[in-house]
Amino acid sequence: MKLKPKELQIIVLAADGLNASQIGQQLNLTKGTVAVYRWRAIEKLGADNLYHAIAIAFRCGLLK
């Protein structure tokens, strides 16, 4: 369940309440690229959706 740095960064920013457009602006990525990283993180965490991924990341100590 090792996330790449960008995948983790996107989960962290999503946990902070940013949407895909805002994350893209902050990281200089397109909305589509953000969606790909987000989906990969969700899959790697074994989550059903973004909210579930954030909860799993928090429980695993990936988020503080």
Protein backbone atom coordinates (compact mmCIF):
# COMPACT_ATOMS: atom_id res chain seq x y z
CA MET A 1 0.00 0.00 0.00
CA LYS A 2 2.87 2.37 -0.68
CA LEU A 3 1.62 5.57 -2.24
CA LYS A 4 3.78 7.64 -4.54
CA PRO A 5 4.50 11.15 -3.23
CA LYS A 6 2.01 12.83 -5.64
CA GLU A 7 -0.73 10.36 -4.72
CA LEU A 8 -0.21 11.06 -1.03
CA GLN A 9 -0.01 14.80 -1.64
CA ILE A 10 -3.37 14.71 -3.43
CA ILE A 11 -4.98 12.70 -0.61
CA VAL A 12 -3.62 15.19 1.93
CA LEU A 13 -4.95 18.18 -0.03
CA ALA A 14 -8.32 16.48 -0.51
CA ALA A 15 -8.44 15.84 3.24
CA ASP A 16 -7.85 19.58 3.68
CA GLY A 17 -11.02 20.19 1.65
CA LEU A 18 -9.60 21.09 -1.75
CA ASN A 19 -11.37 19.89 -4.89
CA ALA A 20 -9.63 18.57 -8.01
CA SER A 21 -9.43 21.99 -9.66
CA GLN A 22 -7.92 23.60 -6.58
CA ILE A 23 -5.45 20.74 -6.14
CA GLY A 24 -4.48 21.04 -9.80
CA GLN A 25 -3.86 24.77 -9.46
CA GLN A 26 -1.77 24.28 -6.33
CA LEU A 27 0.34 21.46 -7.82
CA ASN A 28 0.38 22.80 -11.39
CA LEU A 29 -1.45 19.72 -12.71
CA THR A 30 -4.50 19.38 -14.91
CA LYS A 31 -7.76 18.31 -13.35
CA GLY A 32 -7.50 15.04 -15.31
CA THR A 33 -4.02 14.32 -13.95
CA VAL A 34 -5.27 14.96 -10.42
CA ALA A 35 -8.10 12.49 -11.06
CA VAL A 36 -5.63 9.81 -12.21
CA TYR A 37 -3.41 10.22 -9.14
CA ARG A 38 -6.48 10.27 -6.91
CA TRP A 39 -7.88 7.08 -8.45
CA ARG A 40 -4.52 5.30 -8.12
CA ALA A 41 -4.34 6.26 -4.45
CA ILE A 42 -7.89 5.04 -3.87
CA GLU A 43 -7.05 1.70 -5.50
CA LYS A 44 -3.79 1.26 -3.59
CA LEU A 45 -5.52 1.98 -0.29
CA GLY A 46 -8.28 -0.50 -1.13
CA ALA A 47 -10.89 2.21 -0.68
CA ASP A 48 -14.35 2.53 -2.21
CA ASN A 49 -14.09 6.29 -2.79
CA LEU A 50 -12.06 9.37 -1.88
CA TYR A 51 -13.65 9.76 1.55
CA HIS A 52 -12.90 6.15 2.38
CA ALA A 53 -9.30 6.61 1.15
CA ILE A 54 -8.86 9.62 3.44
CA ALA A 55 -10.15 7.60 6.40
CA ILE A 56 -7.83 4.68 5.61
CA ALA A 57 -4.85 7.01 5.16
CA PHE A 58 -5.61 8.61 8.52
CA ARG A 59 -5.90 5.24 10.28
CA CYS A 60 -2.64 4.05 8.73
CA GLY A 61 -0.80 7.16 9.92
CA LEU A 62 -0.32 8.64 6.46
CA LEU A 63 -2.26 11.75 7.51
CA LYS A 64 -1.68 13.72 10.69
